[in-house]
Amino acid sequence: MQFRIEAIEVGNALQNYIWMLIDTHHHQAVAIDPTQADLVLDYCEKYNLELAQIWITHKHNDHIAGLPELKAKTNAIVYAPLAEKEAIEQADHWLEDDAVITFSDLKVDVFSSAGHTLGLITYFIDELDALFCSDTLFSLGCGRLFEGTYEQMYHSLNRLAALPPRTLVYCTHEYTESNGKFAITIEPENIALQQRYAEVKALRAEGKITLPSTIELELETNPFLRCQSVEEFKKIRQLKDQF
């Protein structure tokens, strides 16, 4: 298989993952939201990879802190959201909604996913069934609204939920267990959710990653994707904020 996707566990308080998209034929890699430069550099050295590209989803420090050093020490091309240009200095290409970029021979679709921040973008690769959704869609949850409106986040989530059910969901944080603890309070009778939460707790007890999820699984178990209106979404999001 030419392409694979691996997680670098940052081990910080926010439980970040840096996702690495690897072209095994050409020994090249993409780092998505590099929290720490040294982790990416060490990974590339260990597996004899050239860091070819860096994809930034939004401006928060846990997603861009490693960018200055990586830009200084590699020839990686950096893609970032145009709407957050003032906060991200090292980008080579600025992206807006419905932009298309390429890595190797892969076509990568870019979606505006406002809500968590106003300029957040997500990256979708149909050929790999892969969605890098940052802090918009989480496994069993969704991101907090720091800048956007409930309407924006609801729209963003629905757009991602409309992707093919087989799509793999690569979000940026290991929040699945805490999200599941909340989700059970919203849908206590959801059998699929009960099973999922039990599986997640078992994985975390062994220190294992719970990602990626899938769009199909999220539609069955994620209360934020099961809302029927902005009002319902707002109510649940506000409950989660206080949970």
C-alpha atoms as a PDB file:
ATOM      1  CA  MET A   1       0.000   0.000   0.000  1.00  0.00           C
ATOM      2  CA  GLN A   2       1.516   3.300  -1.098  1.00  0.00           C
ATOM      3  CA  PHE A   3      -0.032   5.520   1.545  1.00  0.00           C
ATOM      4  CA  ARG A   4      -0.462   5.101   5.258  1.00  0.00           C
ATOM      5  CA  ILE A   5      -1.574   7.379   8.081  1.00  0.00           C
ATOM      6  CA  GLU A   6       0.099   7.276  11.472  1.00  0.00           C
ATOM      7  CA  ALA A   7      -0.364   9.215  14.702  1.00  0.00           C
ATOM      8  CA  ILE A   8       2.349  10.866  16.741  1.00  0.00           C
ATOM      9  CA  GLU A   9       1.100  11.119  20.312  1.00  0.00           C
ATOM     10  CA  VAL A  10       2.246  14.450  21.726  1.00  0.00           C
ATOM     11  CA  GLY A  11       1.614  13.505  25.347  1.00  0.00           C
ATOM     12  CA  ASN A  12       0.555  17.003  26.366  1.00  0.00           C
ATOM     13  CA  ALA A  13      -2.318  18.044  28.627  1.00  0.00           C
ATOM     14  CA  LEU A  14      -4.585  18.576  25.614  1.00  0.00           C
ATOM     15  CA  GLN A  15      -3.894  15.037  24.365  1.00  0.00           C
ATOM     16  CA  ASN A  16      -2.940  16.148  20.860  1.00  0.00           C
ATOM     17  CA  TYR A  17      -2.087  13.870  17.983  1.00  0.00           C
ATOM     18  CA  ILE A  18       0.039  14.963  15.040  1.00  0.00           C
ATOM     19  CA  TRP A  19      -1.184  12.979  12.051  1.00  0.00           C
ATOM     20  CA  MET A  20       1.421  11.898   9.509  1.00  0.00           C
ATOM     21  CA  LEU A  21       0.347  11.045   5.961  1.00  0.00           C
ATOM     22  CA  ILE A  22       3.114   8.951   4.427  1.00  0.00           C
ATOM     23  CA  ASP A  23       3.906   8.137   0.796  1.00  0.00           C
ATOM     24  CA  THR A  24       5.904   4.930   1.211  1.00  0.00           C
ATOM     25  CA  HIS A  25       6.965   4.802  -2.458  1.00  0.00           C
ATOM     26  CA  HIS A  26       8.641   8.205  -2.428  1.00  0.00           C
ATOM     27  CA  HIS A  27       9.561   8.319   1.275  1.00  0.00           C
ATOM     28  CA  GLN A  28       7.733  11.591   1.763  1.00  0.00           C
ATOM     29  CA  ALA A  29       5.345  12.738   4.477  1.00  0.00           C
ATOM     30  CA  VAL A  30       2.790  15.361   5.407  1.00  0.00           C
ATOM     31  CA  ALA A  31       2.475  16.559   8.999  1.00  0.00           C
ATOM     32  CA  ILE A  32      -0.974  17.785   9.968  1.00  0.00           C
ATOM     33  CA  ASP A  33      -1.069  20.374  12.773  1.00  0.00           C
ATOM     34  CA  PRO A  34       2.457  19.931  14.201  1.00  0.00           C
ATOM     35  CA  THR A  35       2.261  20.672  17.914  1.00  0.00           C
ATOM     36  CA  GLN A  36       5.983  20.047  18.414  1.00  0.00           C
ATOM     37  CA  ALA A  37       8.683  20.212  15.760  1.00  0.00           C
ATOM     38  CA  ASP A  38      11.057  17.766  17.442  1.00  0.00           C
ATOM     39  CA  LEU A  39       8.468  14.991  17.393  1.00  0.00           C
ATOM     40  CA  VAL A  40       7.968  15.387  13.642  1.00  0.00           C
ATOM     41  CA  LEU A  41      11.689  15.681  12.903  1.00  0.00           C
ATOM     42  CA  ASP A  42      12.491  12.617  14.993  1.00  0.00           C
ATOM     43  CA  TYR A  43       9.713  10.635  13.321  1.00  0.00           C
ATOM     44  CA  CYS A  44      10.934  11.531   9.837  1.00  0.00           C
ATOM     45  CA  GLU A  45      14.513  10.662  10.752  1.00  0.00           C
ATOM     46  CA  LYS A  46      13.495   7.337  12.280  1.00  0.00           C
ATOM     47  CA  TYR A  47      11.558   6.245   9.202  1.00  0.00           C
ATOM     48  CA  ASN A  48      13.809   7.912   6.604  1.00  0.00           C
ATOM     49  CA  LEU A  49      11.121  10.316   5.398  1.00  0.00           C
ATOM     50  CA  GLU A  50      11.318  13.732   3.783  1.00  0.00           C
ATOM     51  CA  LEU A  51       8.810  16.170   5.267  1.00  0.00           C
ATOM     52  CA  ALA A  52       7.254  17.408   2.030  1.00  0.00           C
ATOM     53  CA  GLN A  53       4.188  19.295   3.269  1.00  0.00           C
ATOM     54  CA  ILE A  54       2.576  20.675   6.416  1.00  0.00           C
ATOM     55  CA  TRP A  55      -1.186  21.159   6.617  1.00  0.00           C
ATOM     56  CA  ILE A  56      -2.526  23.615   9.175  1.00  0.00           C
ATOM     57  CA  THR A  57      -6.208  23.576  10.086  1.00  0.00           C
ATOM     58  CA  HIS A  58      -6.372  26.624  12.368  1.00  0.00           C
ATOM     59  CA  LYS A  59      -4.406  29.106  14.432  1.00  0.00           C
ATOM     60  CA  HIS A  60      -4.501  27.666  17.953  1.00  0.00           C
ATOM     61  CA  ASN A  61      -1.058  27.180  19.410  1.00  0.00           C
ATOM     62  CA  ASP A  62      -1.388  23.435  19.974  1.00  0.00           C
ATOM     63  CA  HIS A  63      -1.794  23.106  16.196  1.00  0.00           C
ATOM     64  CA  ILE A  64       0.948  25.453  14.997  1.00  0.00           C
ATOM     65  CA  ALA A  65       3.601  25.620  17.750  1.00  0.00           C
ATOM     66  CA  GLY A  66       6.034  23.424  15.837  1.00  0.00           C
ATOM     67  CA  LEU A  67       5.654  25.318  12.573  1.00  0.00           C
ATOM     68  CA  PRO A  68       8.465  27.918  12.872  1.00  0.00           C
ATOM     69  CA  GLU A  69      11.136  25.308  13.598  1.00  0.00           C
ATOM     70  CA  LEU A  70       9.886  22.915  10.919  1.00  0.00           C
ATOM     71  CA  LYS A  71       9.858  25.726   8.387  1.00  0.00           C
ATOM     72  CA  ALA A  72      13.429  26.646   9.330  1.00  0.00           C
ATOM     73  CA  LYS A  73      14.795  23.100   9.278  1.00  0.00           C
ATOM     74  CA  THR A  74      12.959  21.532   6.317  1.00  0.00           C
ATOM     75  CA  ASN A  75      11.812  22.383   2.803  1.00  0.00           C
ATOM     76  CA  ALA A  76       8.209  21.477   3.597  1.00  0.00           C
ATOM     77  CA  ILE A  77       5.490  23.437   1.807  1.00  0.00           C
ATOM     78  CA  VAL A  78       3.002  24.842   4.302  1.00  0.00           C
ATOM     79  CA  TYR A  79      -0.733  25.132   3.642  1.00  0.00           C
ATOM     80  CA  ALA A  80      -2.976  27.113   5.990  1.00  0.00           C
ATOM     81  CA  PRO A  81      -6.370  28.855   6.124  1.00  0.00           C
ATOM     82  CA  LEU A  82      -6.469  32.261   4.451  1.00  0.00           C
ATOM     83  CA  ALA A  83      -9.002  33.508   7.012  1.00  0.00           C
ATOM     84  CA  GLU A  84      -6.381  33.119   9.765  1.00  0.00           C
ATOM     85  CA  LYS A  85      -3.440  34.524   7.812  1.00  0.00           C
ATOM     86  CA  GLU A  86      -2.616  37.149  10.435  1.00  0.00           C
ATOM     87  CA  ALA A  87      -2.003  34.467  13.062  1.00  0.00           C
ATOM     88  CA  ILE A  88       0.010  32.021  10.931  1.00  0.00           C
ATOM     89  CA  GLU A  89       3.166  33.561   9.550  1.00  0.00           C
ATOM     90  CA  GLN A  90       4.967  30.637   7.930  1.00  0.00           C
ATOM     91  CA  ALA A  91       2.483  29.460   5.287  1.00  0.00           C
ATOM     92  CA  ASP A  92       3.395  29.221   1.602  1.00  0.00           C
ATOM     93  CA  HIS A  93      -0.147  28.742   0.294  1.00  0.00           C
ATOM     94  CA  TRP A  94      -3.397  30.090   1.705  1.00  0.00           C
ATOM     95  CA  LEU A  95      -6.547  28.011   1.379  1.00  0.00           C
ATOM     96  CA  GLU A  96     -10.258  28.822   1.240  1.00  0.00           C
ATOM     97  CA  ASP A  97     -13.405  26.718   1.033  1.00  0.00           C
ATOM     98  CA  ASP A  98     -13.457  24.216  -1.856  1.00  0.00           C
ATOM     99  CA  ALA A  99      -9.743  24.589  -2.581  1.00  0.00           C
ATOM    100  CA  VAL A 100      -7.959  21.554  -3.959  1.00  0.00           C
ATOM    101  CA  ILE A 101      -4.342  20.651  -3.245  1.00  0.00           C
ATOM    102  CA  THR A 102      -2.255  17.592  -4.067  1.00  0.00           C
ATOM    103  CA  PHE A 103       0.224  15.376  -2.285  1.00  0.00           C
ATOM    104  CA  SER A 104       1.989  12.876  -4.514  1.00  0.00           C
ATOM    105  CA  ASP A 105      -0.855  11.796  -6.805  1.00  0.00           C
ATOM    106  CA  LEU A 106      -3.566  12.311  -4.185  1.00  0.00           C
ATOM    107  CA  LYS A 107      -6.289  14.923  -4.604  1.00  0.00           C
ATOM    108  CA  VAL A 108      -7.072  16.712  -1.350  1.00  0.00           C
ATOM    109  CA  ASP A 109     -10.327  18.674  -0.927  1.00  0.00           C
ATOM    110  CA  VAL A 110     -10.422  21.559   1.520  1.00  0.00           C
ATOM    111  CA  PHE A 111     -13.597  22.531   3.372  1.00  0.00           C
ATOM    112  CA  SER A 112     -14.319  25.589   5.450  1.00  0.00           C
ATOM    113  CA  SER A 113     -15.419  24.285   8.856  1.00  0.00           C
ATOM    114  CA  ALA A 114     -16.063  27.402  10.907  1.00  0.00           C
ATOM    115  CA  GLY A 115     -17.254  27.164  14.497  1.00  0.00           C
ATOM    116  CA  HIS A 116     -14.305  26.282  16.718  1.00  0.00           C
ATOM    117  CA  THR A 117     -12.558  29.230  15.069  1.00  0.00           C
ATOM    118  CA  LEU A 118     -13.837  31.339  12.201  1.00  0.00           C
ATOM    119  CA  GLY A 119     -11.190  30.246   9.741  1.00  0.00           C
ATOM    120  CA  LEU A 120     -10.776  26.541  10.523  1.00  0.00           C
ATOM    121  CA  ILE A 121     -10.437  24.259   7.503  1.00  0.00           C
ATOM    122  CA  THR A 122     -10.566  20.484   7.163  1.00  0.00           C
ATOM    123  CA  TYR A 123      -8.827  18.236   4.635  1.00  0.00           C
ATOM    124  CA  PHE A 124     -10.547  15.321   2.878  1.00  0.00           C
ATOM    125  CA  ILE A 125      -8.935  12.659   0.690  1.00  0.00           C
ATOM    126  CA  ASP A 126     -11.595  10.610  -1.051  1.00  0.00           C
ATOM    127  CA  GLU A 127      -9.098   8.074  -2.405  1.00  0.00           C
ATOM    128  CA  LEU A 128      -7.989   7.194   1.129  1.00  0.00           C
ATOM    129  CA  ASP A 129     -11.413   7.659   2.780  1.00  0.00           C
ATOM    130  CA  ALA A 130      -9.623  10.064   5.114  1.00  0.00           C
ATOM    131  CA  LEU A 131     -10.899  13.211   6.821  1.00  0.00           C
ATOM    132  CA  PHE A 132      -8.548  15.360   8.892  1.00  0.00           C
ATOM    133  CA  CYS A 133     -11.171  17.292  10.825  1.00  0.00           C
ATOM    134  CA  SER A 134      -9.096  18.983  13.508  1.00  0.00           C
ATOM    135  CA  ASP A 135     -11.245  20.378  16.337  1.00  0.00           C
ATOM    136  CA  THR A 136     -14.548  20.456  14.442  1.00  0.00           C
ATOM    137  CA  LEU A 137     -15.727  16.853  14.642  1.00  0.00           C
ATOM    138  CA  PHE A 138     -14.395  14.748  17.499  1.00  0.00           C
ATOM    139  CA  SER A 139     -14.966  11.083  18.102  1.00  0.00           C
ATOM    140  CA  LEU A 140     -18.248  11.098  20.091  1.00  0.00           C
ATOM    141  CA  GLY A 141     -18.163  14.890  20.297  1.00  0.00           C
ATOM    142  CA  CYS A 142     -17.352  18.218  18.673  1.00  0.00           C
ATOM    143  CA  GLY A 143     -15.117  21.183  19.363  1.00  0.00           C
ATOM    144  CA  ARG A 144     -15.899  24.115  21.592  1.00  0.00           C
ATOM    145  CA  LEU A 145     -17.079  27.322  19.998  1.00  0.00           C
ATOM    146  CA  PHE A 146     -14.355  29.886  20.632  1.00  0.00           C
ATOM    147  CA  GLU A 147     -15.252  32.277  17.796  1.00  0.00           C
ATOM    148  CA  GLY A 148     -18.011  30.913  15.616  1.00  0.00           C
ATOM    149  CA  THR A 149     -21.751  30.685  16.058  1.00  0.00           C
ATOM    150  CA  TYR A 150     -23.867  27.629  16.812  1.00  0.00           C
ATOM    151  CA  GLU A 151     -25.273  27.938  13.291  1.00  0.00           C
ATOM    152  CA  GLN A 152     -21.786  27.813  11.787  1.00  0.00           C
ATOM    153  CA  MET A 153     -20.718  24.780  13.784  1.00  0.00           C
ATOM    154  CA  TYR A 154     -23.978  22.948  13.099  1.00  0.00           C
ATOM    155  CA  HIS A 155     -23.526  23.589   9.374  1.00  0.00           C
ATOM    156  CA  SER A 156     -19.885  22.482   9.485  1.00  0.00           C
ATOM    157  CA  LEU A 157     -20.738  19.245  11.285  1.00  0.00           C
ATOM    158  CA  ASN A 158     -23.571  18.468   8.900  1.00  0.00           C
ATOM    159  CA  ARG A 159     -21.282  18.975   5.927  1.00  0.00           C
ATOM    160  CA  LEU A 160     -18.775  16.513   7.325  1.00  0.00           C
ATOM    161  CA  ALA A 161     -21.546  14.092   8.278  1.00  0.00           C
ATOM    162  CA  ALA A 162     -22.630  14.022   4.626  1.00  0.00           C
ATOM    163  CA  LEU A 163     -19.314  12.513   3.526  1.00  0.00           C
ATOM    164  CA  PRO A 164     -19.313   8.790   2.634  1.00  0.00           C
ATOM    165  CA  PRO A 165     -20.087   6.623   5.693  1.00  0.00           C
ATOM    166  CA  ARG A 166     -16.788   4.726   5.259  1.00  0.00           C
ATOM    167  CA  THR A 167     -14.800   7.949   5.722  1.00  0.00           C
ATOM    168  CA  LEU A 168     -12.192   7.648   8.469  1.00  0.00           C
ATOM    169  CA  VAL A 169     -12.312  10.461  11.009  1.00  0.00           C
ATOM    170  CA  TYR A 170      -8.867  11.689  12.079  1.00  0.00           C
ATOM    171  CA  CYS A 171      -9.475  14.359  14.710  1.00  0.00           C
ATOM    172  CA  THR A 172      -6.684  15.990  16.683  1.00  0.00           C
ATOM    173  CA  HIS A 173      -7.319  15.065  20.322  1.00  0.00           C
ATOM    174  CA  GLU A 174      -7.785  11.915  22.388  1.00  0.00           C
ATOM    175  CA  TYR A 175     -11.072  13.102  23.864  1.00  0.00           C
ATOM    176  CA  THR A 176     -13.162  10.044  22.978  1.00  0.00           C
ATOM    177  CA  GLU A 177     -13.550   8.668  26.486  1.00  0.00           C
ATOM    178  CA  SER A 178     -14.535  11.993  28.063  1.00  0.00           C
ATOM    179  CA  ASN A 179     -16.850  12.703  25.126  1.00  0.00           C
ATOM    180  CA  GLY A 180     -18.437   9.288  25.566  1.00  0.00           C
ATOM    181  CA  LYS A 181     -19.039   9.904  29.260  1.00  0.00           C
ATOM    182  CA  PHE A 182     -21.076  12.969  28.284  1.00  0.00           C
ATOM    183  CA  ALA A 183     -22.777  11.383  25.262  1.00  0.00           C
ATOM    184  CA  ILE A 184     -24.225   8.609  27.453  1.00  0.00           C
ATOM    185  CA  THR A 185     -26.059  11.251  29.509  1.00  0.00           C
ATOM    186  CA  ILE A 186     -27.717  12.561  26.340  1.00  0.00           C
ATOM    187  CA  GLU A 187     -28.648   9.197  24.811  1.00  0.00           C
ATOM    188  CA  PRO A 188     -28.628   6.628  27.644  1.00  0.00           C
ATOM    189  CA  GLU A 189     -30.778   4.199  25.626  1.00  0.00           C
ATOM    190  CA  ASN A 190     -28.504   4.201  22.554  1.00  0.00           C
ATOM    191  CA  ILE A 191     -27.211   0.606  22.405  1.00  0.00           C
ATOM    192  CA  ALA A 192     -24.558   1.407  19.787  1.00  0.00           C
ATOM    193  CA  LEU A 193     -23.289   4.223  21.991  1.00  0.00           C
ATOM    194  CA  GLN A 194     -23.183   1.983  25.046  1.00  0.00           C
ATOM    195  CA  GLN A 195     -21.110  -0.578  23.138  1.00  0.00           C
ATOM    196  CA  ARG A 196     -18.818   2.083  21.734  1.00  0.00           C
ATOM    197  CA  TYR A 197     -18.224   3.691  25.108  1.00  0.00           C
ATOM    198  CA  ALA A 198     -17.340   0.318  26.636  1.00  0.00           C
ATOM    199  CA  GLU A 199     -14.871  -0.366  23.815  1.00  0.00           C
ATOM    200  CA  VAL A 200     -13.309   3.085  24.203  1.00  0.00           C
ATOM    201  CA  LYS A 201     -12.863   2.697  27.949  1.00  0.00           C
ATOM    202  CA  ALA A 202     -11.164  -0.647  27.399  1.00  0.00           C
ATOM    203  CA  LEU A 203      -8.803   0.827  24.810  1.00  0.00           C
ATOM    204  CA  ARG A 204      -7.857   3.743  27.044  1.00  0.00           C
ATOM    205  CA  ALA A 205      -7.321   1.461  30.030  1.00  0.00           C
ATOM    206  CA  GLU A 206      -4.628  -0.191  27.912  1.00  0.00           C
ATOM    207  CA  GLY A 207      -3.229   3.169  26.799  1.00  0.00           C
ATOM    208  CA  LYS A 208      -4.336   2.623  23.197  1.00  0.00           C
ATOM    209  CA  ILE A 209      -5.555   5.207  20.697  1.00  0.00           C
ATOM    210  CA  THR A 210      -9.299   5.348  19.961  1.00  0.00           C
ATOM    211  CA  LEU A 211      -8.908   6.886  16.498  1.00  0.00           C
ATOM    212  CA  PRO A 212      -9.738   6.971  13.700  1.00  0.00           C
ATOM    213  CA  SER A 213     -13.490   6.717  13.952  1.00  0.00           C
ATOM    214  CA  THR A 214     -15.771   6.655  10.909  1.00  0.00           C
ATOM    215  CA  ILE A 215     -18.583   8.889   9.742  1.00  0.00           C
ATOM    216  CA  GLU A 216     -20.936   5.888   9.937  1.00  0.00           C
ATOM    217  CA  LEU A 217     -19.998   5.239  13.557  1.00  0.00           C
ATOM    218  CA  GLU A 218     -20.322   8.902  14.486  1.00  0.00           C
ATOM    219  CA  LEU A 219     -23.783   9.098  12.931  1.00  0.00           C
ATOM    220  CA  GLU A 220     -24.817   6.183  15.143  1.00  0.00           C
ATOM    221  CA  THR A 221     -23.221   7.329  18.389  1.00  0.00           C
ATOM    222  CA  ASN A 222     -22.302  11.024  18.379  1.00  0.00           C
ATOM    223  CA  PRO A 223     -25.141  13.151  19.801  1.00  0.00           C
ATOM    224  CA  PHE A 224     -23.845  16.271  18.035  1.00  0.00           C
ATOM    225  CA  LEU A 225     -24.312  14.631  14.641  1.00  0.00           C
ATOM    226  CA  ARG A 226     -27.753  13.374  15.594  1.00  0.00           C
ATOM    227  CA  CYS A 227     -29.256  16.796  16.293  1.00  0.00           C
ATOM    228  CA  GLN A 228     -32.198  17.763  14.117  1.00  0.00           C
ATOM    229  CA  SER A 229     -31.885  21.535  14.501  1.00  0.00           C
ATOM    230  CA  VAL A 230     -29.534  24.336  15.467  1.00  0.00           C
ATOM    231  CA  GLU A 231     -31.558  24.802  18.654  1.00  0.00           C
ATOM    232  CA  GLU A 232     -31.050  21.195  19.678  1.00  0.00           C
ATOM    233  CA  PHE A 233     -27.351  21.424  18.891  1.00  0.00           C
ATOM    234  CA  LYS A 234     -27.006  24.631  20.927  1.00  0.00           C
ATOM    235  CA  LYS A 235     -28.695  23.033  23.929  1.00  0.00           C
ATOM    236  CA  ILE A 236     -26.416  19.976  23.882  1.00  0.00           C
ATOM    237  CA  ARG A 237     -23.268  22.012  23.247  1.00  0.00           C
ATOM    238  CA  GLN A 238     -24.061  24.264  26.218  1.00  0.00           C
ATOM    239  CA  LEU A 239     -24.627  21.199  28.408  1.00  0.00           C
ATOM    240  CA  LYS A 240     -21.254  19.822  27.326  1.00  0.00           C
ATOM    241  CA  ASP A 241     -19.577  23.150  28.147  1.00  0.00           C
ATOM    242  CA  GLN A 242     -20.768  22.766  31.736  1.00  0.00           C
ATOM    243  CA  PHE A 243     -20.173  19.019  32.017  1.00  0.00           C
END
